[in-house]
Amino acid sequence: MEDLKKILVPVDFSETSFNALDTAVELAKKSAASIEIIYARDTIPQLVMADNSRVRMKDNAEAVMNAYVTAIEQKHQVKPKLIWEEGLPAEAIIRTANKLRPDLIICGTHGASGYRESFIGSTAYTVIKYVTCPVLTIPAGTKWLNFKKLLLPVRPIHGAVKKFELIQRIASKNGSLDVLDLSSGTSEDDKHLISLTLDELRSKLHSSQINIQVKRSTGTNVAENVLSMLSRSTYDILVLSPSIDMTNKQLFIGPFSQRIINQSPVPVLTIKRSL
């Protein structure tokens, strides 16, 4: 079974990033995982700052984060570790992920730098694109602490459910998983691959109490089908695999995945092909 032992959470003092941290705390309690919090501050040219202003900014940030960590430890008996980095946030997060090799990164879709409506922030997208581990993105505006109803779109491709034991670590007890079959349903090869995918998925989740059901898509546009499904039912999380863009490429986020992540109203767990 895929373990969930180490969670990395980027925080930039935005509400969305703190919501992501709250999600991480709940998952950490469930799996006895450790939490590493990374705060990456953009490097500001020294010429535009007073001599000691950078020191004061860091001191204030550390005071706030230390207080937040203490509150988490007292309330949840989980003690996150703080990591301080300078430089472009996305680069710092990716560099830290390559070093620490977390099992999961949880980040807000839109941070302190703002965002365009219906578009994921550039930092979150860059992290999803370049890290090797699964990434769980948390949309702005609400907290996501339980994942009882999951949606997994699949297309006929070999190896579509790699690393999907992680679903057991994230799904709430007695949760349900709807598998959205995005194949045309006419090709015998496609039917066979979808059947193999479902068998593999059930095998990976056999020890859990997750109820798996298959849903058929009705249209031909992959992104439209997935987003329409999300709008018609009250899902708590969407799980994306490389099969969405019909690829076995490593570290690949294609156009369908990008649009779905951009516009999903619920958290998205992006699982890329194993290295």
C-alpha atoms as a PDB file:
ATOM      1  CA  MET A   1       0.000   0.000   0.000  1.00  0.00           C
ATOM      2  CA  GLU A   2       1.163   3.490  -0.842  1.00  0.00           C
ATOM      3  CA  ASP A   3       2.189   5.114   2.444  1.00  0.00           C
ATOM      4  CA  LEU A   4       1.405   8.669   3.421  1.00  0.00           C
ATOM      5  CA  LYS A   5       4.220   9.451   5.835  1.00  0.00           C
ATOM      6  CA  LYS A   6       5.384  12.919   4.842  1.00  0.00           C
ATOM      7  CA  ILE A   7       3.285  15.883   3.678  1.00  0.00           C
ATOM      8  CA  LEU A   8       4.760  19.128   2.352  1.00  0.00           C
ATOM      9  CA  VAL A   9       2.628  22.290   2.583  1.00  0.00           C
ATOM     10  CA  PRO A  10       3.644  25.633   1.038  1.00  0.00           C
ATOM     11  CA  VAL A  11       2.326  28.585   3.069  1.00  0.00           C
ATOM     12  CA  ASP A  12       2.387  32.249   2.039  1.00  0.00           C
ATOM     13  CA  PHE A  13       0.037  33.657   4.730  1.00  0.00           C
ATOM     14  CA  SER A  14      -2.944  33.662   2.371  1.00  0.00           C
ATOM     15  CA  GLU A  15      -6.239  32.203   3.565  1.00  0.00           C
ATOM     16  CA  THR A  16      -6.089  29.534   0.877  1.00  0.00           C
ATOM     17  CA  SER A  17      -2.655  28.321   1.958  1.00  0.00           C
ATOM     18  CA  PHE A  18      -3.804  28.071   5.583  1.00  0.00           C
ATOM     19  CA  ASN A  19      -6.853  26.106   4.414  1.00  0.00           C
ATOM     20  CA  ALA A  20      -4.425  23.734   2.678  1.00  0.00           C
ATOM     21  CA  LEU A  21      -2.528  23.409   5.956  1.00  0.00           C
ATOM     22  CA  ASP A  22      -5.759  22.547   7.781  1.00  0.00           C
ATOM     23  CA  THR A  23      -6.379  19.783   5.226  1.00  0.00           C
ATOM     24  CA  ALA A  24      -2.836  18.521   5.762  1.00  0.00           C
ATOM     25  CA  VAL A  25      -3.358  18.373   9.525  1.00  0.00           C
ATOM     26  CA  GLU A  26      -6.483  16.227   9.143  1.00  0.00           C
ATOM     27  CA  LEU A  27      -4.732  13.815   6.769  1.00  0.00           C
ATOM     28  CA  ALA A  28      -1.659  13.707   8.997  1.00  0.00           C
ATOM     29  CA  LYS A  29      -3.770  12.694  11.985  1.00  0.00           C
ATOM     30  CA  LYS A  30      -5.419   9.949   9.962  1.00  0.00           C
ATOM     31  CA  SER A  31      -2.163   8.485   8.616  1.00  0.00           C
ATOM     32  CA  ALA A  32       0.271   9.423  11.399  1.00  0.00           C
ATOM     33  CA  ALA A  33       2.192  11.453   8.833  1.00  0.00           C
ATOM     34  CA  SER A  34       4.631  14.269   9.459  1.00  0.00           C
ATOM     35  CA  ILE A  35       4.059  17.766   8.069  1.00  0.00           C
ATOM     36  CA  GLU A  36       6.742  20.015   6.643  1.00  0.00           C
ATOM     37  CA  ILE A  37       5.681  23.628   6.102  1.00  0.00           C
ATOM     38  CA  ILE A  38       7.673  25.646   3.600  1.00  0.00           C
ATOM     39  CA  TYR A  39       7.534  29.437   3.527  1.00  0.00           C
ATOM     40  CA  ALA A  40       9.309  30.779   0.451  1.00  0.00           C
ATOM     41  CA  ARG A  41       9.766  34.525   0.359  1.00  0.00           C
ATOM     42  CA  ASP A  42      10.498  36.272  -2.910  1.00  0.00           C
ATOM     43  CA  THR A  43      13.960  37.809  -2.925  1.00  0.00           C
ATOM     44  CA  ILE A  44      13.504  41.596  -2.972  1.00  0.00           C
ATOM     45  CA  PRO A  45      16.329  43.807  -4.290  1.00  0.00           C
ATOM     46  CA  GLN A  46      18.196  45.326  -1.373  1.00  0.00           C
ATOM     47  CA  LEU A  47      18.142  48.783  -2.976  1.00  0.00           C
ATOM     48  CA  VAL A  48      14.417  49.180  -2.397  1.00  0.00           C
ATOM     49  CA  MET A  49      14.521  48.131   1.242  1.00  0.00           C
ATOM     50  CA  ALA A  50      15.842  49.675   4.407  1.00  0.00           C
ATOM     51  CA  ASP A  51      18.922  47.962   5.814  1.00  0.00           C
ATOM     52  CA  ASN A  52      17.106  45.999   8.480  1.00  0.00           C
ATOM     53  CA  SER A  53      13.634  45.716   6.945  1.00  0.00           C
ATOM     54  CA  ARG A  54      14.352  42.233   5.558  1.00  0.00           C
ATOM     55  CA  VAL A  55      15.294  41.033   9.037  1.00  0.00           C
ATOM     56  CA  ARG A  56      12.115  42.513  10.530  1.00  0.00           C
ATOM     57  CA  MET A  57       9.959  40.863   7.856  1.00  0.00           C
ATOM     58  CA  LYS A  58      11.512  37.469   8.550  1.00  0.00           C
ATOM     59  CA  ASP A  59      11.174  37.917  12.314  1.00  0.00           C
ATOM     60  CA  ASN A  60       7.464  38.780  11.933  1.00  0.00           C
ATOM     61  CA  ALA A  61       6.855  35.828   9.625  1.00  0.00           C
ATOM     62  CA  GLU A  62       8.624  33.438  11.982  1.00  0.00           C
ATOM     63  CA  ALA A  63       6.640  34.731  14.960  1.00  0.00           C
ATOM     64  CA  VAL A  64       3.329  34.204  13.177  1.00  0.00           C
ATOM     65  CA  MET A  65       4.238  30.739  11.917  1.00  0.00           C
ATOM     66  CA  ASN A  66       5.670  29.592  15.253  1.00  0.00           C
ATOM     67  CA  ALA A  67       2.429  30.642  16.939  1.00  0.00           C
ATOM     68  CA  TYR A  68       0.395  28.797  14.302  1.00  0.00           C
ATOM     69  CA  VAL A  69       2.478  25.633  14.708  1.00  0.00           C
ATOM     70  CA  THR A  70       2.098  25.787  18.492  1.00  0.00           C
ATOM     71  CA  ALA A  71      -1.680  26.104  18.124  1.00  0.00           C
ATOM     72  CA  ILE A  72      -1.782  23.077  15.790  1.00  0.00           C
ATOM     73  CA  GLU A  73       0.309  21.005  18.188  1.00  0.00           C
ATOM     74  CA  GLN A  74      -1.870  21.876  21.181  1.00  0.00           C
ATOM     75  CA  LYS A  75      -5.161  21.222  19.362  1.00  0.00           C
ATOM     76  CA  HIS A  76      -4.268  18.239  17.181  1.00  0.00           C
ATOM     77  CA  GLN A  77      -1.112  16.700  18.714  1.00  0.00           C
ATOM     78  CA  VAL A  78       0.594  17.179  15.366  1.00  0.00           C
ATOM     79  CA  LYS A  79       3.778  19.263  15.265  1.00  0.00           C
ATOM     80  CA  PRO A  80       4.687  20.569  11.814  1.00  0.00           C
ATOM     81  CA  LYS A  81       8.283  21.429  10.986  1.00  0.00           C
ATOM     82  CA  LEU A  82       9.027  24.846   9.485  1.00  0.00           C
ATOM     83  CA  ILE A  83      11.307  25.314   6.468  1.00  0.00           C
ATOM     84  CA  TRP A  84      12.389  28.806   5.443  1.00  0.00           C
ATOM     85  CA  GLU A  85      13.486  29.521   1.888  1.00  0.00           C
ATOM     86  CA  GLU A  86      14.207  32.564  -0.240  1.00  0.00           C
ATOM     87  CA  GLY A  87      13.656  32.946  -3.946  1.00  0.00           C
ATOM     88  CA  LEU A  88      10.776  32.335  -6.313  1.00  0.00           C
ATOM     89  CA  PRO A  89       8.178  30.297  -4.396  1.00  0.00           C
ATOM     90  CA  ALA A  90       7.624  27.655  -7.102  1.00  0.00           C
ATOM     91  CA  GLU A  91      11.354  27.040  -7.513  1.00  0.00           C
ATOM     92  CA  ALA A  92      11.859  26.831  -3.748  1.00  0.00           C
ATOM     93  CA  ILE A  93       8.972  24.393  -3.337  1.00  0.00           C
ATOM     94  CA  ILE A  94      10.185  22.147  -6.159  1.00  0.00           C
ATOM     95  CA  ARG A  95      13.761  22.231  -4.839  1.00  0.00           C
ATOM     96  CA  THR A  96      12.549  21.321  -1.339  1.00  0.00           C
ATOM     97  CA  ALA A  97      10.312  18.544  -2.677  1.00  0.00           C
ATOM     98  CA  ASN A  98      13.221  17.028  -4.601  1.00  0.00           C
ATOM     99  CA  LYS A  99      15.271  17.043  -1.409  1.00  0.00           C
ATOM    100  CA  LEU A 100      12.648  15.816   1.077  1.00  0.00           C
ATOM    101  CA  ARG A 101      10.756  13.484  -1.289  1.00  0.00           C
ATOM    102  CA  PRO A 102       7.332  13.913   0.370  1.00  0.00           C
ATOM    103  CA  ASP A 103       4.524  11.472  -0.319  1.00  0.00           C
ATOM    104  CA  LEU A 104       2.119  14.332  -0.967  1.00  0.00           C
ATOM    105  CA  ILE A 105       2.184  18.102  -1.473  1.00  0.00           C
ATOM    106  CA  ILE A 106      -0.915  20.051  -0.450  1.00  0.00           C
ATOM    107  CA  CYS A 107      -1.180  23.621  -1.674  1.00  0.00           C
ATOM    108  CA  GLY A 108      -3.776  26.318  -2.203  1.00  0.00           C
ATOM    109  CA  THR A 109      -4.665  27.032  -5.802  1.00  0.00           C
ATOM    110  CA  HIS A 110      -4.359  30.783  -5.288  1.00  0.00           C
ATOM    111  CA  GLY A 111      -1.934  32.400  -2.912  1.00  0.00           C
ATOM    112  CA  ALA A 112      -1.095  35.865  -1.679  1.00  0.00           C
ATOM    113  CA  SER A 113      -0.153  37.062  -5.168  1.00  0.00           C
ATOM    114  CA  GLY A 114      -3.777  36.850  -6.318  1.00  0.00           C
ATOM    115  CA  TYR A 115      -5.289  35.137  -9.323  1.00  0.00           C
ATOM    116  CA  ARG A 116      -7.535  35.440 -12.335  1.00  0.00           C
ATOM    117  CA  GLU A 117     -11.008  34.042 -11.829  1.00  0.00           C
ATOM    118  CA  SER A 118     -11.289  30.397 -12.924  1.00  0.00           C
ATOM    119  CA  PHE A 119      -7.517  29.994 -13.293  1.00  0.00           C
ATOM    120  CA  ILE A 120      -5.145  28.207 -10.977  1.00  0.00           C
ATOM    121  CA  GLY A 121      -2.268  30.296  -9.634  1.00  0.00           C
ATOM    122  CA  SER A 122       1.059  30.084 -11.441  1.00  0.00           C
ATOM    123  CA  THR A 123       2.916  28.766  -8.387  1.00  0.00           C
ATOM    124  CA  ALA A 124       0.479  25.877  -7.869  1.00  0.00           C
ATOM    125  CA  TYR A 125       0.492  24.989 -11.555  1.00  0.00           C
ATOM    126  CA  THR A 126       4.304  25.015 -11.766  1.00  0.00           C
ATOM    127  CA  VAL A 127       4.537  22.770  -8.709  1.00  0.00           C
ATOM    128  CA  ILE A 128       2.043  20.300 -10.194  1.00  0.00           C
ATOM    129  CA  LYS A 129       3.942  20.290 -13.478  1.00  0.00           C
ATOM    130  CA  TYR A 130       7.450  19.662 -12.178  1.00  0.00           C
ATOM    131  CA  VAL A 131       7.316  17.660  -8.934  1.00  0.00           C
ATOM    132  CA  THR A 132       7.307  13.871  -9.043  1.00  0.00           C
ATOM    133  CA  CYS A 133       4.952  13.206  -6.126  1.00  0.00           C
ATOM    134  CA  PRO A 134       1.150  13.563  -6.064  1.00  0.00           C
ATOM    135  CA  VAL A 135      -0.178  17.085  -5.478  1.00  0.00           C
ATOM    136  CA  LEU A 136      -3.468  17.963  -3.804  1.00  0.00           C
ATOM    137  CA  THR A 137      -4.679  21.462  -4.699  1.00  0.00           C
ATOM    138  CA  ILE A 138      -7.197  23.201  -2.447  1.00  0.00           C
ATOM    139  CA  PRO A 139      -9.506  25.814  -4.031  1.00  0.00           C
ATOM    140  CA  ALA A 140     -10.073  29.197  -2.446  1.00  0.00           C
ATOM    141  CA  GLY A 141     -13.084  30.042  -0.347  1.00  0.00           C
ATOM    142  CA  THR A 142     -13.682  27.065   1.931  1.00  0.00           C
ATOM    143  CA  LYS A 143     -12.078  24.409   4.108  1.00  0.00           C
ATOM    144  CA  TRP A 144     -11.825  20.795   2.929  1.00  0.00           C
ATOM    145  CA  LEU A 145     -11.318  18.466   5.882  1.00  0.00           C
ATOM    146  CA  ASN A 146     -13.153  15.295   4.811  1.00  0.00           C
ATOM    147  CA  PHE A 147     -13.237  13.495   1.483  1.00  0.00           C
ATOM    148  CA  LYS A 148     -16.249  11.174   1.429  1.00  0.00           C
ATOM    149  CA  LYS A 149     -17.247  11.287  -2.225  1.00  0.00           C
ATOM    150  CA  LEU A 150     -14.497  10.957  -4.831  1.00  0.00           C
ATOM    151  CA  LEU A 151     -14.575  11.193  -8.614  1.00  0.00           C
ATOM    152  CA  LEU A 152     -11.965   9.405 -10.741  1.00  0.00           C
ATOM    153  CA  PRO A 153     -12.176   9.899 -14.524  1.00  0.00           C
ATOM    154  CA  VAL A 154     -10.363   7.200 -16.530  1.00  0.00           C
ATOM    155  CA  ARG A 155      -9.615   6.605 -20.202  1.00  0.00           C
ATOM    156  CA  PRO A 156      -8.357   3.348 -21.760  1.00  0.00           C
ATOM    157  CA  ILE A 157      -4.613   3.444 -21.160  1.00  0.00           C
ATOM    158  CA  HIS A 158      -2.195   0.982 -19.566  1.00  0.00           C
ATOM    159  CA  GLY A 159      -1.006   1.940 -16.081  1.00  0.00           C
ATOM    160  CA  ALA A 160      -3.808   4.444 -15.486  1.00  0.00           C
ATOM    161  CA  VAL A 161      -4.040   3.748 -11.750  1.00  0.00           C
ATOM    162  CA  LYS A 162      -0.433   3.844 -10.597  1.00  0.00           C
ATOM    163  CA  LYS A 163      -0.014   5.023  -7.000  1.00  0.00           C
ATOM    164  CA  PHE A 164      -3.759   4.965  -6.439  1.00  0.00           C
ATOM    165  CA  GLU A 165      -3.480   3.231  -3.078  1.00  0.00           C
ATOM    166  CA  LEU A 166      -3.079   6.834  -1.896  1.00  0.00           C
ATOM    167  CA  ILE A 167      -6.846   7.143  -2.298  1.00  0.00           C
ATOM    168  CA  GLN A 168      -7.248   4.978   0.812  1.00  0.00           C
ATOM    169  CA  ARG A 169      -5.148   7.420   2.817  1.00  0.00           C
ATOM    170  CA  ILE A 170      -7.215  10.394   1.716  1.00  0.00           C
ATOM    171  CA  ALA A 171     -10.778   9.060   1.530  1.00  0.00           C
ATOM    172  CA  SER A 172     -12.920   9.296   4.642  1.00  0.00           C
ATOM    173  CA  LYS A 173     -14.211   6.129   6.265  1.00  0.00           C
ATOM    174  CA  ASN A 174     -17.099   4.566   4.334  1.00  0.00           C
ATOM    175  CA  GLY A 175     -16.394   6.871   1.421  1.00  0.00           C
ATOM    176  CA  SER A 176     -17.500   6.305  -2.155  1.00  0.00           C
ATOM    177  CA  LEU A 177     -15.548   6.429  -5.406  1.00  0.00           C
ATOM    178  CA  ASP A 178     -17.276   7.095  -8.719  1.00  0.00           C
ATOM    179  CA  VAL A 179     -15.161   5.972 -11.674  1.00  0.00           C
ATOM    180  CA  LEU A 180     -16.098   8.035 -14.725  1.00  0.00           C
ATOM    181  CA  ASP A 181     -15.540   5.915 -17.848  1.00  0.00           C
ATOM    182  CA  LEU A 182     -14.440   8.335 -20.566  1.00  0.00           C
ATOM    183  CA  SER A 183     -14.018   5.728 -23.290  1.00  0.00           C
ATOM    184  CA  SER A 184     -16.287   5.656 -26.311  1.00  0.00           C
ATOM    185  CA  GLY A 185     -17.558   2.258 -25.203  1.00  0.00           C
ATOM    186  CA  THR A 186     -17.469   0.870 -28.738  1.00  0.00           C
ATOM    187  CA  SER A 187     -13.945  -0.487 -29.189  1.00  0.00           C
ATOM    188  CA  GLU A 188     -13.316  -3.948 -27.767  1.00  0.00           C
ATOM    189  CA  ASP A 189      -9.756  -2.915 -26.926  1.00  0.00           C
ATOM    190  CA  ASP A 190     -11.049   0.111 -25.028  1.00  0.00           C
ATOM    191  CA  LYS A 191     -13.571  -2.001 -23.151  1.00  0.00           C
ATOM    192  CA  HIS A 192     -10.841  -4.472 -22.212  1.00  0.00           C
ATOM    193  CA  LEU A 193      -8.489  -1.736 -20.955  1.00  0.00           C
ATOM    194  CA  ILE A 194     -11.228  -0.092 -18.898  1.00  0.00           C
ATOM    195  CA  SER A 195     -12.096  -3.491 -17.415  1.00  0.00           C
ATOM    196  CA  LEU A 196      -8.448  -4.093 -16.514  1.00  0.00           C
ATOM    197  CA  THR A 197      -8.243  -0.615 -14.971  1.00  0.00           C
ATOM    198  CA  LEU A 198     -11.277  -1.282 -12.779  1.00  0.00           C
ATOM    199  CA  ASP A 199      -9.923  -4.689 -11.721  1.00  0.00           C
ATOM    200  CA  GLU A 200      -6.576  -3.112 -10.804  1.00  0.00           C
ATOM    201  CA  LEU A 201      -8.288  -0.322  -8.899  1.00  0.00           C
ATOM    202  CA  ARG A 202     -10.445  -2.737  -6.918  1.00  0.00           C
ATOM    203  CA  SER A 203      -7.344  -4.801  -6.155  1.00  0.00           C
ATOM    204  CA  LYS A 204      -5.494  -1.762  -4.854  1.00  0.00           C
ATOM    205  CA  LEU A 205      -8.424  -0.685  -2.699  1.00  0.00           C
ATOM    206  CA  HIS A 206      -9.545  -4.136  -1.582  1.00  0.00           C
ATOM    207  CA  SER A 207      -8.716  -3.568   2.083  1.00  0.00           C
ATOM    208  CA  SER A 208     -10.626  -0.294   2.303  1.00  0.00           C
ATOM    209  CA  GLN A 209     -14.326   0.283   2.828  1.00  0.00           C
ATOM    210  CA  ILE A 210     -14.615   2.477  -0.268  1.00  0.00           C
ATOM    211  CA  ASN A 211     -17.669   1.765  -2.389  1.00  0.00           C
ATOM    212  CA  ILE A 212     -16.710   1.831  -6.087  1.00  0.00           C
ATOM    213  CA  GLN A 213     -19.275   2.574  -8.784  1.00  0.00           C
ATOM    214  CA  VAL A 214     -18.831   3.122 -12.528  1.00  0.00           C
ATOM    215  CA  LYS A 215     -20.403   6.101 -14.313  1.00  0.00           C
ATOM    216  CA  ARG A 216     -20.577   6.489 -18.074  1.00  0.00           C
ATOM    217  CA  SER A 217     -19.723   9.769 -19.773  1.00  0.00           C
ATOM    218  CA  THR A 218     -22.173  11.108 -22.338  1.00  0.00           C
ATOM    219  CA  GLY A 219     -20.115  13.459 -24.492  1.00  0.00           C
ATOM    220  CA  THR A 220     -16.873  13.422 -26.432  1.00  0.00           C
ATOM    221  CA  ASN A 221     -15.021  16.349 -24.827  1.00  0.00           C
ATOM    222  CA  VAL A 222     -13.011  15.002 -21.883  1.00  0.00           C
ATOM    223  CA  ALA A 223     -12.707  18.229 -19.908  1.00  0.00           C
ATOM    224  CA  GLU A 224     -16.365  19.124 -20.462  1.00  0.00           C
ATOM    225  CA  ASN A 225     -17.467  15.677 -19.310  1.00  0.00           C
ATOM    226  CA  VAL A 226     -15.461  15.847 -16.090  1.00  0.00           C
ATOM    227  CA  LEU A 227     -16.467  19.425 -15.237  1.00  0.00           C
ATOM    228  CA  SER A 228     -20.106  18.638 -16.028  1.00  0.00           C
ATOM    229  CA  MET A 229     -19.973  15.632 -13.697  1.00  0.00           C
ATOM    230  CA  LEU A 230     -18.560  17.807 -10.935  1.00  0.00           C
ATOM    231  CA  SER A 231     -21.337  20.345 -11.403  1.00  0.00           C
ATOM    232  CA  ARG A 232     -24.101  17.722 -11.246  1.00  0.00           C
ATOM    233  CA  SER A 233     -23.087  16.035  -8.012  1.00  0.00           C
ATOM    234  CA  THR A 234     -21.594  16.940  -4.636  1.00  0.00           C
ATOM    235  CA  TYR A 235     -18.107  15.507  -4.888  1.00  0.00           C
ATOM    236  CA  ASP A 236     -15.466  16.320  -2.281  1.00  0.00           C
ATOM    237  CA  ILE A 237     -12.405  15.619  -4.419  1.00  0.00           C
ATOM    238  CA  LEU A 238     -11.376  14.873  -7.998  1.00  0.00           C
ATOM    239  CA  VAL A 239      -8.540  12.428  -8.732  1.00  0.00           C
ATOM    240  CA  LEU A 240      -6.632  12.898 -12.005  1.00  0.00           C
ATOM    241  CA  SER A 241      -4.248  10.430 -13.636  1.00  0.00           C
ATOM    242  CA  PRO A 242      -2.192  10.475 -16.854  1.00  0.00           C
ATOM    243  CA  SER A 243      -5.045   8.686 -18.604  1.00  0.00           C
ATOM    244  CA  ILE A 244      -6.942  11.983 -18.858  1.00  0.00           C
ATOM    245  CA  ASP A 245      -4.560  13.150 -21.584  1.00  0.00           C
ATOM    246  CA  MET A 246      -3.965   9.637 -22.952  1.00  0.00           C
ATOM    247  CA  THR A 247      -0.291   9.630 -22.087  1.00  0.00           C
ATOM    248  CA  ASN A 248       2.251   7.519 -20.256  1.00  0.00           C
ATOM    249  CA  LYS A 249       4.725  10.389 -20.197  1.00  0.00           C
ATOM    250  CA  GLN A 250       6.368  11.174 -16.881  1.00  0.00           C
ATOM    251  CA  LEU A 251       5.765  14.621 -15.335  1.00  0.00           C
ATOM    252  CA  PHE A 252       3.215  15.512 -17.999  1.00  0.00           C
ATOM    253  CA  ILE A 253       0.205  17.771 -17.536  1.00  0.00           C
ATOM    254  CA  GLY A 254      -1.755  17.954 -20.774  1.00  0.00           C
ATOM    255  CA  PRO A 255      -4.464  20.356 -21.960  1.00  0.00           C
ATOM    256  CA  PHE A 256      -7.394  18.384 -20.539  1.00  0.00           C
ATOM    257  CA  SER A 257      -5.772  18.113 -17.113  1.00  0.00           C
ATOM    258  CA  GLN A 258      -4.824  21.779 -17.121  1.00  0.00           C
ATOM    259  CA  ARG A 259      -8.347  22.945 -17.898  1.00  0.00           C
ATOM    260  CA  ILE A 260      -9.916  20.611 -15.351  1.00  0.00           C
ATOM    261  CA  ILE A 261      -7.498  21.698 -12.601  1.00  0.00           C
ATOM    262  CA  ASN A 262      -8.083  25.334 -13.520  1.00  0.00           C
ATOM    263  CA  GLN A 263     -11.856  25.131 -13.275  1.00  0.00           C
ATOM    264  CA  SER A 264     -12.547  22.432 -10.714  1.00  0.00           C
ATOM    265  CA  PRO A 265     -14.736  23.695  -7.845  1.00  0.00           C
ATOM    266  CA  VAL A 266     -13.368  20.955  -5.564  1.00  0.00           C
ATOM    267  CA  PRO A 267      -9.864  19.871  -4.522  1.00  0.00           C
ATOM    268  CA  VAL A 268      -7.903  17.990  -7.185  1.00  0.00           C
ATOM    269  CA  LEU A 269      -5.452  15.187  -6.439  1.00  0.00           C
ATOM    270  CA  THR A 270      -3.052  14.983  -9.396  1.00  0.00           C
ATOM    271  CA  ILE A 271      -1.187  11.690  -9.657  1.00  0.00           C
ATOM    272  CA  LYS A 272       1.327  11.434 -12.474  1.00  0.00           C
ATOM    273  CA  ARG A 273       2.993   8.359 -13.855  1.00  0.00           C
ATOM    274  CA  SER A 274       5.540   6.823 -11.499  1.00  0.00           C
ATOM    275  CA  LEU A 275       9.196   7.482 -12.230  1.00  0.00           C
END
